[in-house]
Amino acid sequence: MTRVYIDGGQTIRSFVAAGLVRRVIVTLIPVLLGHGRPLWGHGAGDVDLTLVAARHWDNGFVQVEYRA
């Protein structure tokens, strides 16, 4: 199995559309920016995810891991 790190809205959307994403890890940093924006932009459609793990650190960071 090969693992790659992908980043950037358009790149992630293209990998999701091609069915190449098996795992999603998102790290949340506790800062409110004021205006919401889609994490990866529009157009990817809904993708069902299953929660695999959730971790937290003393600095307030939270990381969630999902299986696609």
PDB file of N, CA and C in Angstrom:
ATOM      1  N   MET A   1       0.848  -1.179   0.000  1.00  0.00           N
ATOM      2  CA  MET A   1       0.000   0.000   0.000  1.00  0.00           C
ATOM      3  C   MET A   1       0.892   1.240   0.000  1.00  0.00           C
ATOM      4  N   THR A   2       0.570   2.189  -0.840  1.00  0.00           N
ATOM      5  CA  THR A   2       1.298   3.439  -0.899  1.00  0.00           C
ATOM      6  C   THR A   2       0.450   4.537  -0.268  1.00  0.00           C
ATOM      7  N   ARG A   3       1.087   5.355   0.544  1.00  0.00           N
ATOM      8  CA  ARG A   3       0.395   6.477   1.168  1.00  0.00           C
ATOM      9  C   ARG A   3       0.929   7.770   0.579  1.00  0.00           C
ATOM     10  N   VAL A   4       0.024   8.691   0.324  1.00  0.00           N
ATOM     11  CA  VAL A   4       0.427  10.013  -0.147  1.00  0.00           C
ATOM     12  C   VAL A   4      -0.349  11.054   0.635  1.00  0.00           C
ATOM     13  N   TYR A   5       0.255  12.220   0.777  1.00  0.00           N
ATOM     14  CA  TYR A   5      -0.394  13.360   1.410  1.00  0.00           C
ATOM     15  C   TYR A   5      -0.887  14.258   0.283  1.00  0.00           C
ATOM     16  N   ILE A   6      -2.174  14.543   0.271  1.00  0.00           N
ATOM     17  CA  ILE A   6      -2.705  15.459  -0.737  1.00  0.00           C
ATOM     18  C   ILE A   6      -3.289  16.670  -0.028  1.00  0.00           C
ATOM     19  N   ASP A   7      -3.162  17.819  -0.667  1.00  0.00           N
ATOM     20  CA  ASP A   7      -3.616  19.055  -0.053  1.00  0.00           C
ATOM     21  C   ASP A   7      -4.092  19.996  -1.151  1.00  0.00           C
ATOM     22  N   GLY A   8      -4.958  20.885  -0.790  1.00  0.00           N
ATOM     23  CA  GLY A   8      -5.479  21.866  -1.741  1.00  0.00           C
ATOM     24  C   GLY A   8      -6.840  21.425  -2.254  1.00  0.00           C
ATOM     25  N   GLY A   9      -7.778  22.327  -2.243  1.00  0.00           N
ATOM     26  CA  GLY A   9      -9.163  22.009  -2.578  1.00  0.00           C
ATOM     27  C   GLY A   9      -9.355  21.283  -3.890  1.00  0.00           C
ATOM     28  N   GLN A  10      -8.835  21.817  -4.971  1.00  0.00           N
ATOM     29  CA  GLN A  10      -9.033  21.205  -6.289  1.00  0.00           C
ATOM     30  C   GLN A  10      -8.373  19.830  -6.362  1.00  0.00           C
ATOM     31  N   THR A  11      -7.184  19.706  -5.802  1.00  0.00           N
ATOM     32  CA  THR A  11      -6.472  18.418  -5.820  1.00  0.00           C
ATOM     33  C   THR A  11      -7.238  17.375  -5.031  1.00  0.00           C
ATOM     34  N   ILE A  12      -7.690  17.731  -3.839  1.00  0.00           N
ATOM     35  CA  ILE A  12      -8.449  16.788  -3.014  1.00  0.00           C
ATOM     36  C   ILE A  12      -9.730  16.390  -3.714  1.00  0.00           C
ATOM     37  N   ARG A  13     -10.451  17.361  -4.297  1.00  0.00           N
ATOM     38  CA  ARG A  13     -11.696  17.049  -5.009  1.00  0.00           C
ATOM     39  C   ARG A  13     -11.453  16.059  -6.141  1.00  0.00           C
ATOM     40  N   SER A  14     -10.366  16.217  -6.880  1.00  0.00           N
ATOM     41  CA  SER A  14     -10.097  15.308  -7.998  1.00  0.00           C
ATOM     42  C   SER A  14      -9.773  13.895  -7.495  1.00  0.00           C
ATOM     43  N   PHE A  15      -9.046  13.776  -6.383  1.00  0.00           N
ATOM     44  CA  PHE A  15      -8.751  12.460  -5.821  1.00  0.00           C
ATOM     45  C   PHE A  15     -10.023  11.798  -5.291  1.00  0.00           C
ATOM     46  N   VAL A  16     -10.898  12.574  -4.625  1.00  0.00           N
ATOM     47  CA  VAL A  16     -12.163  12.040  -4.119  1.00  0.00           C
ATOM     48  C   VAL A  16     -13.028  11.570  -5.291  1.00  0.00           C
ATOM     49  N   ALA A  17     -13.143  12.381  -6.338  1.00  0.00           N
ATOM     50  CA  ALA A  17     -13.963  12.035  -7.498  1.00  0.00           C
ATOM     51  C   ALA A  17     -13.463  10.763  -8.178  1.00  0.00           C
ATOM     52  N   ALA A  18     -12.159  10.532  -8.139  1.00  0.00           N
ATOM     53  CA  ALA A  18     -11.572   9.343  -8.759  1.00  0.00           C
ATOM     54  C   ALA A  18     -11.640   8.120  -7.845  1.00  0.00           C
ATOM     55  N   GLY A  19     -12.163   8.292  -6.624  1.00  0.00           N
ATOM     56  CA  GLY A  19     -12.273   7.177  -5.694  1.00  0.00           C
ATOM     57  C   GLY A  19     -10.944   6.745  -5.090  1.00  0.00           C
ATOM     58  N   LEU A  20      -9.983   7.649  -5.034  1.00  0.00           N
ATOM     59  CA  LEU A  20      -8.646   7.313  -4.566  1.00  0.00           C
ATOM     60  C   LEU A  20      -8.403   7.645  -3.092  1.00  0.00           C
ATOM     61  N   VAL A  21      -9.391   8.228  -2.423  1.00  0.00           N
ATOM     62  CA  VAL A  21      -9.216   8.608  -1.013  1.00  0.00           C
ATOM     63  C   VAL A  21      -9.821   7.523  -0.134  1.00  0.00           C
ATOM     64  N   ARG A  22      -8.987   6.928   0.710  1.00  0.00           N
ATOM     65  CA  ARG A  22      -9.448   5.885   1.623  1.00  0.00           C
ATOM     66  C   ARG A  22      -9.472   6.356   3.072  1.00  0.00           C
ATOM     67  N   ARG A  23      -8.725   7.423   3.341  1.00  0.00           N
ATOM     68  CA  ARG A  23      -8.620   7.914   4.717  1.00  0.00           C
ATOM     69  C   ARG A  23      -8.524   9.433   4.685  1.00  0.00           C
ATOM     70  N   VAL A  24      -9.235  10.076   5.602  1.00  0.00           N
ATOM     71  CA  VAL A  24      -9.212  11.535   5.716  1.00  0.00           C
ATOM     72  C   VAL A  24      -8.849  11.881   7.153  1.00  0.00           C
ATOM     73  N   ILE A  25      -7.813  12.700   7.322  1.00  0.00           N
ATOM     74  CA  ILE A  25      -7.436  13.168   8.655  1.00  0.00           C
ATOM     75  C   ILE A  25      -7.511  14.692   8.631  1.00  0.00           C
ATOM     76  N   VAL A  26      -8.281  15.245   9.548  1.00  0.00           N
ATOM     77  CA  VAL A  26      -8.466  16.689   9.634  1.00  0.00           C
ATOM     78  C   VAL A  26      -8.046  17.150  11.023  1.00  0.00           C
ATOM     79  N   THR A  27      -7.188  18.170  11.081  1.00  0.00           N
ATOM     80  CA  THR A  27      -6.782  18.751  12.354  1.00  0.00           C
ATOM     81  C   THR A  27      -7.482  20.088  12.516  1.00  0.00           C
ATOM     82  N   LEU A  28      -8.157  20.253  13.644  1.00  0.00           N
ATOM     83  CA  LEU A  28      -8.895  21.480  13.940  1.00  0.00           C
ATOM     84  C   LEU A  28      -8.084  22.317  14.909  1.00  0.00           C
ATOM     85  N   ILE A  29      -7.941  23.576  14.573  1.00  0.00           N
ATOM     86  CA  ILE A  29      -7.212  24.517  15.412  1.00  0.00           C
ATOM     87  C   ILE A  29      -8.238  25.517  15.959  1.00  0.00           C
ATOM     88  N   PRO A  30      -8.284  25.740  17.262  1.00  0.00           N
ATOM     89  CA  PRO A  30      -9.363  26.518  17.864  1.00  0.00           C
ATOM     90  C   PRO A  30      -9.257  28.031  17.616  1.00  0.00           C
ATOM     91  N   VAL A  31      -9.520  28.434  16.368  1.00  0.00           N
ATOM     92  CA  VAL A  31      -9.548  29.855  16.009  1.00  0.00           C
ATOM     93  C   VAL A  31     -10.787  30.090  15.154  1.00  0.00           C
ATOM     94  N   LEU A  32     -11.633  31.027  15.534  1.00  0.00           N
ATOM     95  CA  LEU A  32     -12.796  31.370  14.729  1.00  0.00           C
ATOM     96  C   LEU A  32     -12.414  32.489  13.778  1.00  0.00           C
ATOM     97  N   LEU A  33     -12.615  32.259  12.487  1.00  0.00           N
ATOM     98  CA  LEU A  33     -12.205  33.233  11.481  1.00  0.00           C
ATOM     99  C   LEU A  33     -13.294  34.229  11.127  1.00  0.00           C
ATOM    100  N   GLY A  34     -14.544  33.931  11.483  1.00  0.00           N
ATOM    101  CA  GLY A  34     -15.604  34.891  11.244  1.00  0.00           C
ATOM    102  C   GLY A  34     -16.497  34.561  10.065  1.00  0.00           C
ATOM    103  N   HIS A  35     -15.952  34.008   9.000  1.00  0.00           N
ATOM    104  CA  HIS A  35     -16.761  33.639   7.839  1.00  0.00           C
ATOM    105  C   HIS A  35     -16.441  32.204   7.465  1.00  0.00           C
ATOM    106  N   GLY A  36     -17.485  31.396   7.329  1.00  0.00           N
ATOM    107  CA  GLY A  36     -17.282  29.997   6.975  1.00  0.00           C
ATOM    108  C   GLY A  36     -16.959  29.822   5.503  1.00  0.00           C
ATOM    109  N   ARG A  37     -16.105  28.866   5.220  1.00  0.00           N
ATOM    110  CA  ARG A  37     -15.764  28.501   3.844  1.00  0.00           C
ATOM    111  C   ARG A  37     -15.745  26.983   3.771  1.00  0.00           C
ATOM    112  N   PRO A  38     -16.166  26.419   2.653  1.00  0.00           N
ATOM    113  CA  PRO A  38     -16.090  24.969   2.515  1.00  0.00           C
ATOM    114  C   PRO A  38     -14.634  24.509   2.644  1.00  0.00           C
ATOM    115  N   LEU A  39     -14.439  23.390   3.314  1.00  0.00           N
ATOM    116  CA  LEU A  39     -13.085  22.900   3.544  1.00  0.00           C
ATOM    117  C   LEU A  39     -12.340  22.657   2.244  1.00  0.00           C
ATOM    118  N   TRP A  40     -13.014  22.061   1.251  1.00  0.00           N
ATOM    119  CA  TRP A  40     -12.357  21.760  -0.021  1.00  0.00           C
ATOM    120  C   TRP A  40     -13.069  22.397  -1.196  1.00  0.00           C
ATOM    121  N   GLY A  41     -13.831  23.450  -0.952  1.00  0.00           N
ATOM    122  CA  GLY A  41     -14.547  24.096  -2.046  1.00  0.00           C
ATOM    123  C   GLY A  41     -15.827  23.348  -2.372  1.00  0.00           C
ATOM    124  N   HIS A  42     -16.453  23.735  -3.455  1.00  0.00           N
ATOM    125  CA  HIS A  42     -17.723  23.143  -3.874  1.00  0.00           C
ATOM    126  C   HIS A  42     -17.488  22.138  -4.992  1.00  0.00           C
ATOM    127  N   GLY A  43     -18.435  21.242  -5.162  1.00  0.00           N
ATOM    128  CA  GLY A  43     -18.402  20.374  -6.320  1.00  0.00           C
ATOM    129  C   GLY A  43     -18.028  18.933  -6.082  1.00  0.00           C
ATOM    130  N   ALA A  44     -17.521  18.583  -4.917  1.00  0.00           N
ATOM    131  CA  ALA A  44     -17.109  17.203  -4.687  1.00  0.00           C
ATOM    132  C   ALA A  44     -18.303  16.297  -4.410  1.00  0.00           C
ATOM    133  N   GLY A  45     -19.433  16.852  -4.017  1.00  0.00           N
ATOM    134  CA  GLY A  45     -20.580  16.026  -3.646  1.00  0.00           C
ATOM    135  C   GLY A  45     -20.375  15.422  -2.274  1.00  0.00           C
ATOM    136  N   ASP A  46     -21.388  14.732  -1.805  1.00  0.00           N
ATOM    137  CA  ASP A  46     -21.307  14.106  -0.487  1.00  0.00           C
ATOM    138  C   ASP A  46     -20.467  12.842  -0.549  1.00  0.00           C
ATOM    139  N   VAL A  47     -19.676  12.615   0.492  1.00  0.00           N
ATOM    140  CA  VAL A  47     -18.875  11.405   0.624  1.00  0.00           C
ATOM    141  C   VAL A  47     -19.138  10.856   2.020  1.00  0.00           C
ATOM    142  N   ASP A  48     -19.644   9.626   2.092  1.00  0.00           N
ATOM    143  CA  ASP A  48     -19.902   9.017   3.396  1.00  0.00           C
ATOM    144  C   ASP A  48     -18.582   8.633   4.048  1.00  0.00           C
ATOM    145  N   LEU A  49     -18.402   9.040   5.298  1.00  0.00           N
ATOM    146  CA  LEU A  49     -17.184   8.750   6.051  1.00  0.00           C
ATOM    147  C   LEU A  49     -17.551   8.059   7.354  1.00  0.00           C
ATOM    148  N   THR A  50     -16.648   7.218   7.841  1.00  0.00           N
ATOM    149  CA  THR A  50     -16.830   6.533   9.113  1.00  0.00           C
ATOM    150  C   THR A  50     -15.717   6.971  10.055  1.00  0.00           C
ATOM    151  N   LEU A  51     -16.084   7.447  11.234  1.00  0.00           N
ATOM    152  CA  LEU A  51     -15.096   7.891  12.217  1.00  0.00           C
ATOM    153  C   LEU A  51     -14.250   6.718  12.678  1.00  0.00           C
ATOM    154  N   VAL A  52     -12.924   6.879  12.617  1.00  0.00           N
ATOM    155  CA  VAL A  52     -11.989   5.854  13.042  1.00  0.00           C
ATOM    156  C   VAL A  52     -11.356   6.231  14.375  1.00  0.00           C
ATOM    157  N   ALA A  53     -10.992   7.504  14.530  1.00  0.00           N
ATOM    158  CA  ALA A  53     -10.319   7.934  15.756  1.00  0.00           C
ATOM    159  C   ALA A  53     -10.492   9.431  15.945  1.00  0.00           C
ATOM    160  N   ALA A  54     -10.385   9.855  17.188  1.00  0.00           N
ATOM    161  CA  ALA A  54     -10.368  11.279  17.530  1.00  0.00           C
ATOM    162  C   ALA A  54      -9.305  11.465  18.607  1.00  0.00           C
ATOM    163  N   ARG A  55      -8.466  12.482  18.408  1.00  0.00           N
ATOM    164  CA  ARG A  55      -7.376  12.762  19.355  1.00  0.00           C
ATOM    165  C   ARG A  55      -7.421  14.241  19.738  1.00  0.00           C
ATOM    166  N   HIS A  56      -6.915  14.535  20.911  1.00  0.00           N
ATOM    167  CA  HIS A  56      -6.841  15.939  21.313  1.00  0.00           C
ATOM    168  C   HIS A  56      -5.535  16.181  22.046  1.00  0.00           C
ATOM    169  N   TRP A  57      -5.123  17.439  22.015  1.00  0.00           N
ATOM    170  CA  TRP A  57      -3.898  17.852  22.685  1.00  0.00           C
ATOM    171  C   TRP A  57      -4.215  18.959  23.676  1.00  0.00           C
ATOM    172  N   ASP A  58      -3.314  19.175  24.637  1.00  0.00           N
ATOM    173  CA  ASP A  58      -3.522  20.189  25.674  1.00  0.00           C
ATOM    174  C   ASP A  58      -3.626  21.604  25.102  1.00  0.00           C
ATOM    175  N   ASN A  59      -3.068  21.844  23.909  1.00  0.00           N
ATOM    176  CA  ASN A  59      -3.133  23.182  23.318  1.00  0.00           C
ATOM    177  C   ASN A  59      -4.465  23.460  22.637  1.00  0.00           C
ATOM    178  N   GLY A  60      -5.395  22.511  22.677  1.00  0.00           N
ATOM    179  CA  GLY A  60      -6.719  22.708  22.099  1.00  0.00           C
ATOM    180  C   GLY A  60      -6.891  22.113  20.710  1.00  0.00           C
ATOM    181  N   PHE A  61      -5.827  21.643  20.076  1.00  0.00           N
ATOM    182  CA  PHE A  61      -5.943  21.022  18.763  1.00  0.00           C
ATOM    183  C   PHE A  61      -6.760  19.732  18.889  1.00  0.00           C
ATOM    184  N   VAL A  62      -7.560  19.459  17.889  1.00  0.00           N
ATOM    185  CA  VAL A  62      -8.315  18.214  17.816  1.00  0.00           C
ATOM    186  C   VAL A  62      -8.083  17.629  16.427  1.00  0.00           C
ATOM    187  N   GLN A  63      -7.830  16.331  16.381  1.00  0.00           N
ATOM    188  CA  GLN A  63      -7.616  15.676  15.091  1.00  0.00           C
ATOM    189  C   GLN A  63      -8.610  14.527  14.982  1.00  0.00           C
ATOM    190  N   VAL A  64      -9.330  14.495  13.862  1.00  0.00           N
ATOM    191  CA  VAL A  64     -10.277  13.403  13.622  1.00  0.00           C
ATOM    192  C   VAL A  64      -9.829  12.630  12.384  1.00  0.00           C
ATOM    193  N   GLU A  65      -9.993  11.338  12.446  1.00  0.00           N
ATOM    194  CA  GLU A  65      -9.615  10.469  11.328  1.00  0.00           C
ATOM    195  C   GLU A  65     -10.843   9.693  10.874  1.00  0.00           C
ATOM    196  N   TYR A  66     -11.071   9.707   9.567  1.00  0.00           N
ATOM    197  CA  TYR A  66     -12.219   9.019   8.981  1.00  0.00           C
ATOM    198  C   TYR A  66     -11.758   8.041   7.919  1.00  0.00           C
ATOM    199  N   ARG A  67     -12.535   6.982   7.736  1.00  0.00           N
ATOM    200  CA  ARG A  67     -12.331   6.051   6.638  1.00  0.00           C
ATOM    201  C   ARG A  67     -13.394   6.342   5.590  1.00  0.00           C
ATOM    202  N   ALA A  68     -12.993   6.422   4.353  1.00  0.00           N
ATOM    203  CA  ALA A  68     -13.937   6.713   3.260  1.00  0.00           C
ATOM    204  C   ALA A  68     -14.519   5.418   2.732  1.00  0.00           C
TER     205      ALA A  68
END
